[in-house]
C-alpha atoms as a PDB file:
ATOM      1  CA  MET A   1       0.000   0.000   0.000  1.00  0.00           C
ATOM      2  CA  ASP A   2       1.439   3.340  -1.008  1.00  0.00           C
ATOM      3  CA  HIS A   3       2.052   6.041   1.548  1.00  0.00           C
ATOM      4  CA  CYS A   4       3.455   9.358   0.435  1.00  0.00           C
ATOM      5  CA  GLY A   5       5.271   7.896  -2.533  1.00  0.00           C
ATOM      6  CA  GLY A   6       6.726   4.731  -1.061  1.00  0.00           C
ATOM      7  CA  TYR A   7       6.223   4.393   2.696  1.00  0.00           C
ATOM      8  CA  GLN A   8       4.536   1.086   3.557  1.00  0.00           C
ATOM      9  CA  ASP A   9       2.381   0.201   6.536  1.00  0.00           C
ATOM     10  CA  PHE A  10       4.223  -2.632   8.316  1.00  0.00           C
ATOM     11  CA  PRO A  11       2.233  -4.030  11.296  1.00  0.00           C
ATOM     12  CA  PHE A  12       5.347  -4.705  13.388  1.00  0.00           C
ATOM     13  CA  VAL A  13       6.428  -1.055  13.212  1.00  0.00           C
ATOM     14  CA  ALA A  14       3.377   0.048  15.202  1.00  0.00           C
ATOM     15  CA  ALA A  15       3.838  -2.854  17.618  1.00  0.00           C
ATOM     16  CA  PHE A  16       7.439  -1.875  18.418  1.00  0.00           C
ATOM     17  CA  TYR A  17       7.192   1.915  18.107  1.00  0.00           C
ATOM     18  CA  ASP A  18       6.423   2.828  21.725  1.00  0.00           C
ATOM     19  CA  TYR A  19       9.218   0.589  23.009  1.00  0.00           C
ATOM     20  CA  THR A  20      11.949   2.129  20.828  1.00  0.00           C
ATOM     21  CA  LEU A  21      14.247   3.932  23.262  1.00  0.00           C
ATOM     22  CA  PRO A  22      15.334   6.917  21.094  1.00  0.00           C
ATOM     23  CA  TYR A  23      11.687   7.792  20.490  1.00  0.00           C
ATOM     24  CA  GLN A  24      10.978   7.850  24.224  1.00  0.00           C
ATOM     25  CA  SER A  25      13.682  10.431  24.897  1.00  0.00           C
ATOM     26  CA  ARG A  26      13.082  12.834  22.001  1.00  0.00           C
ATOM     27  CA  PRO A  27      12.739  16.423  23.295  1.00  0.00           C
ATOM     28  CA  ASP A  28      10.107  17.331  20.719  1.00  0.00           C
ATOM     29  CA  VAL A  29       7.095  16.366  22.854  1.00  0.00           C
ATOM     30  CA  ALA A  30       7.438  19.303  25.267  1.00  0.00           C
ATOM     31  CA  PHE A  31       8.042  21.644  22.323  1.00  0.00           C
ATOM     32  CA  TYR A  32       4.871  20.638  20.466  1.00  0.00           C
ATOM     33  CA  VAL A  33       2.782  20.582  23.654  1.00  0.00           C
ATOM     34  CA  ASP A  34       3.960  24.126  24.408  1.00  0.00           C
ATOM     35  CA  MET A  35       3.015  25.187  20.872  1.00  0.00           C
ATOM     36  CA  ALA A  36      -0.478  23.774  21.455  1.00  0.00           C
ATOM     37  CA  ARG A  37      -0.765  25.716  24.701  1.00  0.00           C
ATOM     38  CA  THR A  38       0.388  28.890  22.952  1.00  0.00           C
ATOM     39  CA  TYR A  39      -1.941  28.775  19.940  1.00  0.00           C
ATOM     40  CA  GLY A  40      -4.785  26.789  21.477  1.00  0.00           C
ATOM     41  CA  GLY A  41      -7.120  24.324  19.870  1.00  0.00           C
ATOM     42  CA  PRO A  42      -8.217  22.861  17.758  1.00  0.00           C
ATOM     43  CA  VAL A  43      -4.883  21.312  16.747  1.00  0.00           C
ATOM     44  CA  LEU A  44      -4.395  19.017  13.755  1.00  0.00           C
ATOM     45  CA  GLU A  45      -1.447  16.634  13.978  1.00  0.00           C
ATOM     46  CA  LEU A  46      -0.454  15.017  10.684  1.00  0.00           C
ATOM     47  CA  GLY A  47       1.294  11.665  11.071  1.00  0.00           C
ATOM     48  CA  CYS A  48       0.103  11.277  14.662  1.00  0.00           C
ATOM     49  CA  GLY A  49       1.251   7.655  14.855  1.00  0.00           C
ATOM     50  CA  THR A  50       0.654   5.962  18.204  1.00  0.00           C
ATOM     51  CA  GLY A  51      -0.027   9.243  20.001  1.00  0.00           C
ATOM     52  CA  ARG A  52       3.468   9.991  21.293  1.00  0.00           C
ATOM     53  CA  VAL A  53       2.826  13.758  20.926  1.00  0.00           C
ATOM     54  CA  LEU A  54      -0.959  13.692  20.558  1.00  0.00           C
ATOM     55  CA  ILE A  55      -1.793  12.207  23.968  1.00  0.00           C
ATOM     56  CA  PRO A  56       0.397  14.604  26.022  1.00  0.00           C
ATOM     57  CA  THR A  57      -1.219  17.451  24.067  1.00  0.00           C
ATOM     58  CA  ALA A  58      -4.701  16.200  24.934  1.00  0.00           C
ATOM     59  CA  GLU A  59      -3.668  15.872  28.573  1.00  0.00           C
ATOM     60  CA  THR A  60      -3.285  19.668  28.698  1.00  0.00           C
ATOM     61  CA  GLY A  61      -6.957  20.073  27.788  1.00  0.00           C
ATOM     62  CA  VAL A  62      -6.344  21.138  24.170  1.00  0.00           C
ATOM     63  CA  GLU A  63      -8.610  19.664  21.498  1.00  0.00           C
ATOM     64  CA  ILE A  64      -6.560  17.737  18.923  1.00  0.00           C
ATOM     65  CA  VAL A  65      -7.324  15.783  15.753  1.00  0.00           C
ATOM     66  CA  GLY A  66      -4.828  13.110  14.722  1.00  0.00           C
ATOM     67  CA  LEU A  67      -4.492  12.015  11.100  1.00  0.00           C
ATOM     68  CA  ASP A  68      -2.359   9.091  10.006  1.00  0.00           C
ATOM     69  CA  PHE A  69      -2.116   6.850   6.964  1.00  0.00           C
ATOM     70  CA  SER A  70      -1.383   3.736   9.025  1.00  0.00           C
ATOM     71  CA  GLU A  71      -4.349   1.875  10.465  1.00  0.00           C
ATOM     72  CA  HIS A  72      -1.878  -0.111  12.570  1.00  0.00           C
ATOM     73  CA  MET A  73      -0.532   3.069  14.145  1.00  0.00           C
ATOM     74  CA  LEU A  74      -4.046   4.427  14.713  1.00  0.00           C
ATOM     75  CA  SER A  75      -5.128   1.144  16.303  1.00  0.00           C
ATOM     76  CA  ARG A  76      -2.230   1.382  18.728  1.00  0.00           C
ATOM     77  CA  CYS A  77      -3.116   5.029  19.415  1.00  0.00           C
ATOM     78  CA  ARG A  78      -6.744   4.087  20.175  1.00  0.00           C
ATOM     79  CA  GLU A  79      -5.508   1.378  22.530  1.00  0.00           C
ATOM     80  CA  ARG A  80      -3.341   3.882  24.401  1.00  0.00           C
ATOM     81  CA  LEU A  81      -6.163   6.429  24.507  1.00  0.00           C
ATOM     82  CA  SER A  82      -8.530   3.849  25.999  1.00  0.00           C
ATOM     83  CA  ARG A  83      -6.352   3.835  29.124  1.00  0.00           C
ATOM     84  CA  GLN A  84      -6.581   7.612  29.524  1.00  0.00           C
ATOM     85  CA  PRO A  85      -9.164   9.431  31.668  1.00  0.00           C
ATOM     86  CA  GLU A  86     -12.419  10.290  29.910  1.00  0.00           C
ATOM     87  CA  GLU A  87     -11.624  14.005  29.903  1.00  0.00           C
ATOM     88  CA  VAL A  88      -8.442  13.300  27.912  1.00  0.00           C
ATOM     89  CA  GLN A  89     -10.206  10.956  25.480  1.00  0.00           C
ATOM     90  CA  ALA A  90     -12.849  13.638  24.908  1.00  0.00           C
ATOM     91  CA  GLN A  91     -10.202  15.991  23.491  1.00  0.00           C
ATOM     92  CA  VAL A  92      -9.131  13.580  20.729  1.00  0.00           C
ATOM     93  CA  SER A  93     -10.454  12.622  17.315  1.00  0.00           C
ATOM     94  CA  LEU A  94      -8.580  10.213  15.070  1.00  0.00           C
ATOM     95  CA  THR A  95      -8.923   9.767  11.327  1.00  0.00           C
ATOM     96  CA  GLN A  96      -7.206   7.650   8.706  1.00  0.00           C
ATOM     97  CA  GLY A  97      -5.972   9.689   5.764  1.00  0.00           C
ATOM     98  CA  ASP A  98      -3.181  10.734   3.467  1.00  0.00           C
ATOM     99  CA  MET A  99      -1.485  14.011   4.319  1.00  0.00           C
ATOM    100  CA  ARG A 100      -1.138  14.731   0.603  1.00  0.00           C
ATOM    101  CA  ALA A 101      -4.915  14.859   0.143  1.00  0.00           C
ATOM    102  CA  PHE A 102      -7.240  15.310   3.090  1.00  0.00           C
ATOM    103  CA  GLU A 103     -10.435  17.279   3.636  1.00  0.00           C
ATOM    104  CA  LEU A 104     -11.735  17.590   7.181  1.00  0.00           C
ATOM    105  CA  GLY A 105     -14.233  20.406   6.655  1.00  0.00           C
ATOM    106  CA  ARG A 106     -12.858  22.637   9.402  1.00  0.00           C
ATOM    107  CA  ARG A 107      -9.966  24.957  10.196  1.00  0.00           C
ATOM    108  CA  PHE A 108      -7.366  24.690  12.933  1.00  0.00           C
ATOM    109  CA  SER A 109      -5.430  27.107  15.120  1.00  0.00           C
ATOM    110  CA  LEU A 110      -2.327  24.934  14.863  1.00  0.00           C
ATOM    111  CA  ILE A 111      -1.262  22.210  12.425  1.00  0.00           C
ATOM    112  CA  THR A 112       1.798  20.159  13.320  1.00  0.00           C
ATOM    113  CA  ILE A 113       3.872  17.462  11.613  1.00  0.00           C
ATOM    114  CA  PRO A 114       6.164  16.111  14.360  1.00  0.00           C
ATOM    115  CA  PHE A 115       9.160  13.828  13.777  1.00  0.00           C
ATOM    116  CA  ARG A 116       9.559  14.202  10.001  1.00  0.00           C
ATOM    117  CA  PRO A 117       6.538  12.586   8.305  1.00  0.00           C
ATOM    118  CA  PHE A 118       6.814  15.314   5.665  1.00  0.00           C
ATOM    119  CA  GLN A 119      10.048  13.653   4.523  1.00  0.00           C
ATOM    120  CA  HIS A 120       8.147  10.516   3.566  1.00  0.00           C
ATOM    121  CA  ILE A 121       6.592  12.579   0.784  1.00  0.00           C
ATOM    122  CA  ILE A 122       8.929  11.886  -2.107  1.00  0.00           C
ATOM    123  CA  GLU A 123       7.640  13.929  -5.040  1.00  0.00           C
ATOM    124  CA  THR A 124       7.687  17.731  -5.067  1.00  0.00           C
ATOM    125  CA  SER A 125       4.171  17.832  -6.514  1.00  0.00           C
ATOM    126  CA  ASP A 126       2.954  15.783  -3.534  1.00  0.00           C
ATOM    127  CA  GLN A 127       4.781  18.063  -1.104  1.00  0.00           C
ATOM    128  CA  ILE A 128       2.947  21.015  -2.648  1.00  0.00           C
ATOM    129  CA  ASP A 129      -0.379  19.144  -2.417  1.00  0.00           C
ATOM    130  CA  CYS A 130       0.270  18.535   1.276  1.00  0.00           C
ATOM    131  CA  LEU A 131       1.114  22.178   1.993  1.00  0.00           C
ATOM    132  CA  ASN A 132      -1.912  23.362   0.002  1.00  0.00           C
ATOM    133  CA  ALA A 133      -4.167  21.054   2.029  1.00  0.00           C
ATOM    134  CA  ILE A 134      -2.654  22.456   5.218  1.00  0.00           C
ATOM    135  CA  HIS A 135      -3.215  25.992   3.918  1.00  0.00           C
ATOM    136  CA  ARG A 136      -6.930  25.232   3.384  1.00  0.00           C
ATOM    137  CA  HIS A 137      -7.274  23.905   6.930  1.00  0.00           C
ATOM    138  CA  LEU A 138      -5.424  26.648   8.803  1.00  0.00           C
ATOM    139  CA  LYS A 139      -7.212  29.548  10.450  1.00  0.00           C
ATOM    140  CA  PRO A 140      -6.103  33.001   9.218  1.00  0.00           C
ATOM    141  CA  ASP A 141      -4.109  33.586  12.426  1.00  0.00           C
ATOM    142  CA  GLY A 142      -3.046  29.957  12.791  1.00  0.00           C
ATOM    143  CA  ARG A 143       0.407  28.395  12.607  1.00  0.00           C
ATOM    144  CA  LEU A 144       2.047  25.441  10.860  1.00  0.00           C
ATOM    145  CA  VAL A 145       4.867  23.863  12.867  1.00  0.00           C
ATOM    146  CA  PHE A 146       6.945  20.928  11.639  1.00  0.00           C
ATOM    147  CA  ASP A 147      10.447  19.520  11.781  1.00  0.00           C
ATOM    148  CA  LEU A 148      12.874  17.997   9.286  1.00  0.00           C
ATOM    149  CA  PHE A 149      16.381  16.741   9.793  1.00  0.00           C
ATOM    150  CA  ASN A 150      19.009  19.179   8.573  1.00  0.00           C
ATOM    151  CA  PRO A 151      20.976  17.196   5.960  1.00  0.00           C
ATOM    152  CA  SER A 152      24.583  16.586   6.932  1.00  0.00           C
ATOM    153  CA  ILE A 153      26.865  16.709   3.892  1.00  0.00           C
ATOM    154  CA  GLN A 154      29.408  14.604   5.775  1.00  0.00           C
ATOM    155  CA  PHE A 155      26.845  11.891   6.507  1.00  0.00           C
ATOM    156  CA  LEU A 156      25.536  11.899   2.943  1.00  0.00           C
ATOM    157  CA  ALA A 157      29.077  11.207   1.740  1.00  0.00           C
ATOM    158  CA  ASP A 158      29.851   8.587   4.395  1.00  0.00           C
ATOM    159  CA  GLU A 159      29.834   5.080   2.921  1.00  0.00           C
ATOM    160  CA  LYS A 160      29.833   3.562   6.429  1.00  0.00           C
ATOM    161  CA  ALA A 161      26.106   4.344   6.503  1.00  0.00           C
ATOM    162  CA  TYR A 162      25.612   1.395   4.149  1.00  0.00           C
ATOM    163  CA  ASN A 163      26.545  -0.911   7.037  1.00  0.00           C
ATOM    164  CA  GLU A 164      24.210  -1.695   9.921  1.00  0.00           C
ATOM    165  CA  ALA A 165      24.766   0.715  12.777  1.00  0.00           C
ATOM    166  CA  GLY A 166      23.276   1.627  16.116  1.00  0.00           C
ATOM    167  CA  ASP A 167      24.046   0.883  19.729  1.00  0.00           C
ATOM    168  CA  GLU A 168      20.514   0.679  21.110  1.00  0.00           C
ATOM    169  CA  PRO A 169      20.317  -1.807  23.990  1.00  0.00           C
ATOM    170  CA  GLY A 170      17.874  -4.695  23.992  1.00  0.00           C
ATOM    171  CA  VAL A 171      14.348  -3.850  25.119  1.00  0.00           C
ATOM    172  CA  ASP A 172      12.079  -6.275  26.951  1.00  0.00           C
ATOM    173  CA  LEU A 173       8.658  -6.362  25.295  1.00  0.00           C
ATOM    174  CA  PRO A 174       5.499  -7.131  27.334  1.00  0.00           C
ATOM    175  CA  ASP A 175       5.068 -10.538  25.675  1.00  0.00           C
ATOM    176  CA  GLY A 176       8.524 -11.733  26.750  1.00  0.00           C
ATOM    177  CA  ARG A 177      10.377 -11.022  23.517  1.00  0.00           C
ATOM    178  CA  ILE A 178      13.558  -8.946  23.402  1.00  0.00           C
ATOM    179  CA  MET A 179      13.947  -6.316  20.669  1.00  0.00           C
ATOM    180  CA  ARG A 180      17.197  -4.868  19.367  1.00  0.00           C
ATOM    181  CA  ARG A 181      17.142  -2.293  16.576  1.00  0.00           C
ATOM    182  CA  ARG A 182      19.764  -1.230  14.102  1.00  0.00           C
ATOM    183  CA  ILE A 183      19.787   1.212  11.177  1.00  0.00           C
ATOM    184  CA  ARG A 184      21.147   1.055   7.639  1.00  0.00           C
ATOM    185  CA  ILE A 185      21.081   3.170   4.489  1.00  0.00           C
ATOM    186  CA  ALA A 186      20.467   0.685   1.676  1.00  0.00           C
ATOM    187  CA  ALA A 187      20.944   3.147  -1.199  1.00  0.00           C
ATOM    188  CA  ARG A 188      21.093   6.840  -2.006  1.00  0.00           C
ATOM    189  CA  ASP A 189      19.857   8.789  -4.991  1.00  0.00           C
ATOM    190  CA  TYR A 190      21.768  12.058  -4.840  1.00  0.00           C
ATOM    191  CA  TYR A 191      19.898  13.506  -7.797  1.00  0.00           C
ATOM    192  CA  LYS A 192      16.435  13.000  -6.314  1.00  0.00           C
ATOM    193  CA  GLN A 193      17.651  13.577  -2.726  1.00  0.00           C
ATOM    194  CA  ILE A 194      16.284  10.246  -1.542  1.00  0.00           C
ATOM    195  CA  SER A 195      17.785   7.790   0.932  1.00  0.00           C
ATOM    196  CA  ASP A 196      16.464   4.230   1.019  1.00  0.00           C
ATOM    197  CA  CYS A 197      16.421   3.554   4.745  1.00  0.00           C
ATOM    198  CA  GLU A 198      16.169   0.336   6.723  1.00  0.00           C
ATOM    199  CA  LEU A 199      15.211  -0.022  10.359  1.00  0.00           C
ATOM    200  CA  ILE A 200      16.219  -3.564  11.270  1.00  0.00           C
ATOM    201  CA  TYR A 201      14.623  -5.268  14.252  1.00  0.00           C
ATOM    202  CA  TYR A 202      16.280  -8.331  15.774  1.00  0.00           C
ATOM    203  CA  ILE A 203      13.695 -10.167  17.871  1.00  0.00           C
ATOM    204  CA  THR A 204      14.566 -12.903  20.362  1.00  0.00           C
ATOM    205  CA  HIS A 205      11.552 -14.989  21.351  1.00  0.00           C
ATOM    206  CA  PRO A 206      11.151 -16.557  24.820  1.00  0.00           C
ATOM    207  CA  ASP A 207      11.961 -19.986  23.372  1.00  0.00           C
ATOM    208  CA  GLY A 208      15.256 -18.672  21.977  1.00  0.00           C
ATOM    209  CA  ARG A 209      14.083 -18.391  18.381  1.00  0.00           C
ATOM    210  CA  GLU A 210      15.453 -15.344  16.593  1.00  0.00           C
ATOM    211  CA  GLU A 211      13.747 -13.244  13.945  1.00  0.00           C
ATOM    212  CA  ARG A 212      14.961 -10.399  11.732  1.00  0.00           C
ATOM    213  CA  LEU A 213      12.348  -7.870  10.561  1.00  0.00           C
ATOM    214  CA  VAL A 214      13.198  -5.035   8.192  1.00  0.00           C
ATOM    215  CA  HIS A 215      11.236  -1.808   7.837  1.00  0.00           C
ATOM    216  CA  GLU A 216      12.214  -0.388   4.458  1.00  0.00           C
ATOM    217  CA  PHE A 217      11.221   3.106   3.356  1.00  0.00           C
ATOM    218  CA  PRO A 218      12.480   5.964   1.179  1.00  0.00           C
ATOM    219  CA  MET A 219      13.117   9.322   2.797  1.00  0.00           C
ATOM    220  CA  ARG A 220      13.444  12.609   0.982  1.00  0.00           C
ATOM    221  CA  TYR A 221      15.872  15.104   2.476  1.00  0.00           C
ATOM    222  CA  LEU A 222      15.308  18.818   2.036  1.00  0.00           C
ATOM    223  CA  PHE A 223      17.781  21.620   2.500  1.00  0.00           C
ATOM    224  CA  ARG A 224      16.905  24.802   4.350  1.00  0.00           C
ATOM    225  CA  TYR A 225      16.217  27.071   1.397  1.00  0.00           C
ATOM    226  CA  GLU A 226      14.440  24.347  -0.560  1.00  0.00           C
ATOM    227  CA  ALA A 227      11.973  23.964   2.307  1.00  0.00           C
ATOM    228  CA  GLU A 228      11.594  27.727   2.643  1.00  0.00           C
ATOM    229  CA  HIS A 229      10.839  28.110  -1.066  1.00  0.00           C
ATOM    230  CA  LEU A 230       8.208  25.349  -0.859  1.00  0.00           C
ATOM    231  CA  LEU A 231       6.488  27.132   2.009  1.00  0.00           C
ATOM    232  CA  VAL A 232       6.501  30.513   0.277  1.00  0.00           C
ATOM    233  CA  ARG A 233       5.290  28.938  -2.967  1.00  0.00           C
ATOM    234  CA  CYS A 234       2.295  27.543  -1.076  1.00  0.00           C
ATOM    235  CA  GLY A 235       1.287  30.788   0.598  1.00  0.00           C
ATOM    236  CA  PHE A 236       3.182  30.667   3.887  1.00  0.00           C
ATOM    237  CA  GLU A 237       5.510  33.111   5.593  1.00  0.00           C
ATOM    238  CA  ILE A 238       8.312  31.728   7.784  1.00  0.00           C
ATOM    239  CA  GLU A 239       8.014  33.165  11.270  1.00  0.00           C
ATOM    240  CA  ALA A 240      10.820  31.208  12.925  1.00  0.00           C
ATOM    241  CA  LEU A 241      13.424  28.591  12.094  1.00  0.00           C
ATOM    242  CA  TYR A 242      15.024  26.675  14.944  1.00  0.00           C
ATOM    243  CA  ALA A 243      17.995  24.328  15.118  1.00  0.00           C
ATOM    244  CA  GLY A 244      16.642  22.482  18.131  1.00  0.00           C
ATOM    245  CA  PHE A 245      13.549  21.961  20.233  1.00  0.00           C
ATOM    246  CA  ASP A 246      15.045  24.318  22.819  1.00  0.00           C
ATOM    247  CA  ARG A 247      14.351  27.054  20.236  1.00  0.00           C
ATOM    248  CA  SER A 248      18.029  27.599  19.547  1.00  0.00           C
ATOM    249  CA  PRO A 249      18.451  29.671  16.357  1.00  0.00           C
ATOM    250  CA  PHE A 250      19.288  27.985  13.077  1.00  0.00           C
ATOM    251  CA  GLY A 251      23.054  27.788  12.622  1.00  0.00           C
ATOM    252  CA  SER A 252      23.807  27.392  16.323  1.00  0.00           C
ATOM    253  CA  LYS A 253      24.011  23.582  16.094  1.00  0.00           C
ATOM    254  CA  ASN A 254      25.678  21.344  13.533  1.00  0.00           C
ATOM    255  CA  PRO A 255      23.827  19.881  11.816  1.00  0.00           C
ATOM    256  CA  GLY A 256      20.896  20.469  14.135  1.00  0.00           C
ATOM    257  CA  GLU A 257      17.266  20.273  13.067  1.00  0.00           C
ATOM    258  CA  LEU A 258      15.106  22.280  10.689  1.00  0.00           C
ATOM    259  CA  ILE A 259      12.104  23.296  12.815  1.00  0.00           C
ATOM    260  CA  PHE A 260       9.766  25.673  10.992  1.00  0.00           C
ATOM    261  CA  VAL A 261       7.053  27.898  12.397  1.00  0.00           C
ATOM    262  CA  ALA A 262       5.026  29.352   9.522  1.00  0.00           C
ATOM    263  CA  LYS A 263       1.872  31.432   9.154  1.00  0.00           C
ATOM    264  CA  LEU A 264      -0.406  32.314   6.273  1.00  0.00           C
ATOM    265  CA  VAL A 265       0.631  35.255   4.127  1.00  0.00           C
END
């Protein structure tokens, strides 16, 4: 099943997502929750996944709609929401959809795309479709906030990335399995700015049986001015560009992040 030009919906990705250690320690949650407090609801989160950012936002009392392509991710999100108090559940609506083409029939004070789902959109025409859809759904005084990784020239030229890497420790899953994850770049297309990525899960079952599961997906990298031109082309004005979720200015970290805050022109 196609997702944003090549991303596929693997069931095991949703099953393992909340137990992946680097995701648990990302500093973006507090940043996006603070943005929701600042601009108020309703919030639309594109690529909401299992609710890593969505649920903490709802816990603050802000109304939030989560959209995701993956039914497996949404199922996991619903499961997590079911364990929340009723007042938190009441703040959340979930919908399955494609961020390149969605129509929700309402406008939002804040639209967010946390943790790089925009980079799963491979074609420029699809990127423009996504930003145009966001434009239609944003209130006149609303904000679009999203993050990309800032491409490292050194990393893009490093052939060691073609080997499996990562030092994540084993994680005990609730069903008794042990998960270890590693990362590999399978191929690069420098002309189209696409990396074919692999997240490789090594699973040890309670009976000692071992399993290797590979999550393959293409990822489009965008440079700072390329992203800025896309935003302006689609009717946005860049209000802020940060290098980190501590709101450090762009250029203060190497390579840092590309965290955009944009408003309608």
